Amino acid sequence: MRATMQANTNYNKCSATWHEDNQDGRWRAYSYEELTSRDKASLDIFWLKDASLEDSDSLPEPGVLAAEIVEDLRAALAQFELIAEDLGEEVVNEETDDSF
């Protein structure tokens, strides 16, 4: 089932396979009212907290965070360029428009 779900990029077009006559079906849509009527139901995702972000006073300045993100993205891109080259693909550097 997982491969089927991953292959289907249009999740909103999936049709339910579960219904009263076929309770073995794996795909079932629930309405908002059905979900919220359940005991202890909560659609609040604020419980998903990053413990490192609890003290916002100790966070670096936005510019520092942006620079760190740029550095991480450049390092990741360099790794993907090496992978592509290992696979025999020509990689074009968009900054200089040169081929590696």
C-alpha atoms as a PDB file:
ATOM      1  CA  MET A   1       0.000   0.000   0.000  1.00  0.00           C
ATOM      2  CA  ARG A   2       2.828   2.400   0.776  1.00  0.00           C
ATOM      3  CA  ALA A   3       4.217   2.197  -2.757  1.00  0.00           C
ATOM      4  CA  THR A   4       0.722   2.823  -4.123  1.00  0.00           C
ATOM      5  CA  MET A   5       0.277   5.889  -1.924  1.00  0.00           C
ATOM      6  CA  GLN A   6       3.677   7.278  -2.895  1.00  0.00           C
ATOM      7  CA  ALA A   7       3.064   6.696  -6.584  1.00  0.00           C
ATOM      8  CA  ASN A   8      -0.247   8.555  -6.443  1.00  0.00           C
ATOM      9  CA  THR A   9       0.527  12.264  -6.330  1.00  0.00           C
ATOM     10  CA  ASN A  10      -3.140  13.253  -6.442  1.00  0.00           C
ATOM     11  CA  TYR A  11      -4.236  12.213  -2.960  1.00  0.00           C
ATOM     12  CA  ASN A  12      -7.322  14.391  -3.174  1.00  0.00           C
ATOM     13  CA  LYS A  13      -8.539  12.243  -6.099  1.00  0.00           C
ATOM     14  CA  CYS A  14      -8.310   8.956  -4.163  1.00  0.00           C
ATOM     15  CA  SER A  15     -11.605   7.218  -3.671  1.00  0.00           C
ATOM     16  CA  ALA A  16     -12.564   5.579  -0.423  1.00  0.00           C
ATOM     17  CA  THR A  17     -12.190   1.784  -0.295  1.00  0.00           C
ATOM     18  CA  TRP A  18     -13.785   1.513   3.145  1.00  0.00           C
ATOM     19  CA  HIS A  19     -17.545   1.650   3.560  1.00  0.00           C
ATOM     20  CA  GLU A  20     -20.170  -0.108   5.633  1.00  0.00           C
ATOM     21  CA  ASP A  21     -20.339  -3.031   3.162  1.00  0.00           C
ATOM     22  CA  ASN A  22     -16.540  -3.311   2.860  1.00  0.00           C
ATOM     23  CA  GLN A  23     -15.017  -2.694   6.274  1.00  0.00           C
ATOM     24  CA  ASP A  24     -11.707  -4.201   5.143  1.00  0.00           C
ATOM     25  CA  GLY A  25     -11.052  -1.205   2.918  1.00  0.00           C
ATOM     26  CA  ARG A  26      -7.911   0.733   3.820  1.00  0.00           C
ATOM     27  CA  TRP A  27      -8.719   4.184   2.478  1.00  0.00           C
ATOM     28  CA  ARG A  28     -11.401   6.123   4.305  1.00  0.00           C
ATOM     29  CA  ALA A  29     -12.237   9.785   4.290  1.00  0.00           C
ATOM     30  CA  TYR A  30     -13.443  11.443   7.474  1.00  0.00           C
ATOM     31  CA  SER A  31     -15.338  14.680   7.634  1.00  0.00           C
ATOM     32  CA  TYR A  32     -14.189  17.480   9.908  1.00  0.00           C
ATOM     33  CA  GLU A  33     -17.280  16.905  12.065  1.00  0.00           C
ATOM     34  CA  GLU A  34     -16.463  13.184  12.449  1.00  0.00           C
ATOM     35  CA  LEU A  35     -12.944  13.979  13.581  1.00  0.00           C
ATOM     36  CA  THR A  36     -13.828  16.722  16.025  1.00  0.00           C
ATOM     37  CA  SER A  37     -16.685  14.751  17.588  1.00  0.00           C
ATOM     38  CA  ARG A  38     -14.266  12.113  18.877  1.00  0.00           C
ATOM     39  CA  ASP A  39     -13.213  12.113  22.516  1.00  0.00           C
ATOM     40  CA  LYS A  40      -9.901  13.963  22.982  1.00  0.00           C
ATOM     41  CA  ALA A  41      -9.765  14.874  19.304  1.00  0.00           C
ATOM     42  CA  SER A  42      -7.557  17.807  18.510  1.00  0.00           C
ATOM     43  CA  LEU A  43      -6.373  19.152  15.207  1.00  0.00           C
ATOM     44  CA  ASP A  44      -4.027  21.487  17.072  1.00  0.00           C
ATOM     45  CA  ILE A  45      -0.438  20.762  16.036  1.00  0.00           C
ATOM     46  CA  PHE A  46       1.158  23.135  18.529  1.00  0.00           C
ATOM     47  CA  TRP A  47       2.144  20.141  20.628  1.00  0.00           C
ATOM     48  CA  LEU A  48       4.795  19.483  17.935  1.00  0.00           C
ATOM     49  CA  LYS A  49       7.420  21.758  19.402  1.00  0.00           C
ATOM     50  CA  ASP A  50      11.131  21.922  18.848  1.00  0.00           C
ATOM     51  CA  ALA A  51      12.641  22.021  22.331  1.00  0.00           C
ATOM     52  CA  SER A  52      15.558  24.080  21.030  1.00  0.00           C
ATOM     53  CA  LEU A  53      13.162  26.885  20.064  1.00  0.00           C
ATOM     54  CA  GLU A  54      11.478  27.257  23.448  1.00  0.00           C
ATOM     55  CA  ASP A  55      13.775  30.101  24.506  1.00  0.00           C
ATOM     56  CA  SER A  56      13.325  32.544  21.641  1.00  0.00           C
ATOM     57  CA  ASP A  57      15.564  35.093  23.367  1.00  0.00           C
ATOM     58  CA  SER A  58      18.588  32.891  22.718  1.00  0.00           C
ATOM     59  CA  LEU A  59      17.959  32.506  18.984  1.00  0.00           C
ATOM     60  CA  PRO A  60      20.501  34.009  16.589  1.00  0.00           C
ATOM     61  CA  GLU A  61      19.569  37.050  14.533  1.00  0.00           C
ATOM     62  CA  PRO A  62      17.523  36.332  11.369  1.00  0.00           C
ATOM     63  CA  GLY A  63      20.473  37.277   9.157  1.00  0.00           C
ATOM     64  CA  VAL A  64      22.688  34.734  10.900  1.00  0.00           C
ATOM     65  CA  LEU A  65      20.024  32.055  10.492  1.00  0.00           C
ATOM     66  CA  ALA A  66      19.619  32.918   6.797  1.00  0.00           C
ATOM     67  CA  ALA A  67      23.392  32.729   6.244  1.00  0.00           C
ATOM     68  CA  GLU A  68      23.523  29.314   7.946  1.00  0.00           C
ATOM     69  CA  ILE A  69      20.676  28.066   5.769  1.00  0.00           C
ATOM     70  CA  VAL A  70      22.436  29.300   2.617  1.00  0.00           C
ATOM     71  CA  GLU A  71      25.632  27.543   3.704  1.00  0.00           C
ATOM     72  CA  ASP A  72      23.771  24.285   4.371  1.00  0.00           C
ATOM     73  CA  LEU A  73      21.959  24.473   1.015  1.00  0.00           C
ATOM     74  CA  ARG A  74      25.192  25.121  -0.882  1.00  0.00           C
ATOM     75  CA  ALA A  75      26.839  22.130   0.816  1.00  0.00           C
ATOM     76  CA  ALA A  76      23.844  19.931  -0.047  1.00  0.00           C
ATOM     77  CA  LEU A  77      23.889  21.155  -3.657  1.00  0.00           C
ATOM     78  CA  ALA A  78      27.589  20.361  -3.941  1.00  0.00           C
ATOM     79  CA  GLN A  79      26.901  16.824  -2.730  1.00  0.00           C
ATOM     80  CA  PHE A  80      24.116  16.390  -5.295  1.00  0.00           C
ATOM     81  CA  GLU A  81      26.390  17.719  -8.044  1.00  0.00           C
ATOM     82  CA  LEU A  82      28.972  15.050  -7.151  1.00  0.00           C
ATOM     83  CA  ILE A  83      26.291  12.366  -7.203  1.00  0.00           C
ATOM     84  CA  ALA A  84      25.036  13.536 -10.611  1.00  0.00           C
ATOM     85  CA  GLU A  85      28.595  13.535 -11.964  1.00  0.00           C
ATOM     86  CA  ASP A  86      29.156  10.029 -10.592  1.00  0.00           C
ATOM     87  CA  LEU A  87      26.025   8.993 -12.479  1.00  0.00           C
ATOM     88  CA  GLY A  88      27.436  10.459 -15.675  1.00  0.00           C
ATOM     89  CA  GLU A  89      25.311  13.602 -15.879  1.00  0.00           C
ATOM     90  CA  GLU A  90      26.687  16.957 -16.942  1.00  0.00           C
ATOM     91  CA  VAL A  91      26.069  19.506 -14.216  1.00  0.00           C
ATOM     92  CA  VAL A  92      25.734  23.185 -15.135  1.00  0.00           C
ATOM     93  CA  ASN A  93      26.731  25.705 -12.488  1.00  0.00           C
ATOM     94  CA  GLU A  94      23.951  28.325 -12.667  1.00  0.00           C
ATOM     95  CA  GLU A  95      26.057  30.986 -10.911  1.00  0.00           C
ATOM     96  CA  THR A  96      28.814  30.959 -13.514  1.00  0.00           C
ATOM     97  CA  ASP A  97      26.910  29.127 -16.264  1.00  0.00           C
ATOM     98  CA  ASP A  98      29.880  26.780 -16.590  1.00  0.00           C
ATOM     99  CA  SER A  99      29.705  23.040 -17.001  1.00  0.00           C
ATOM    100  CA  PHE A 100      31.639  20.873 -14.590  1.00  0.00           C
END
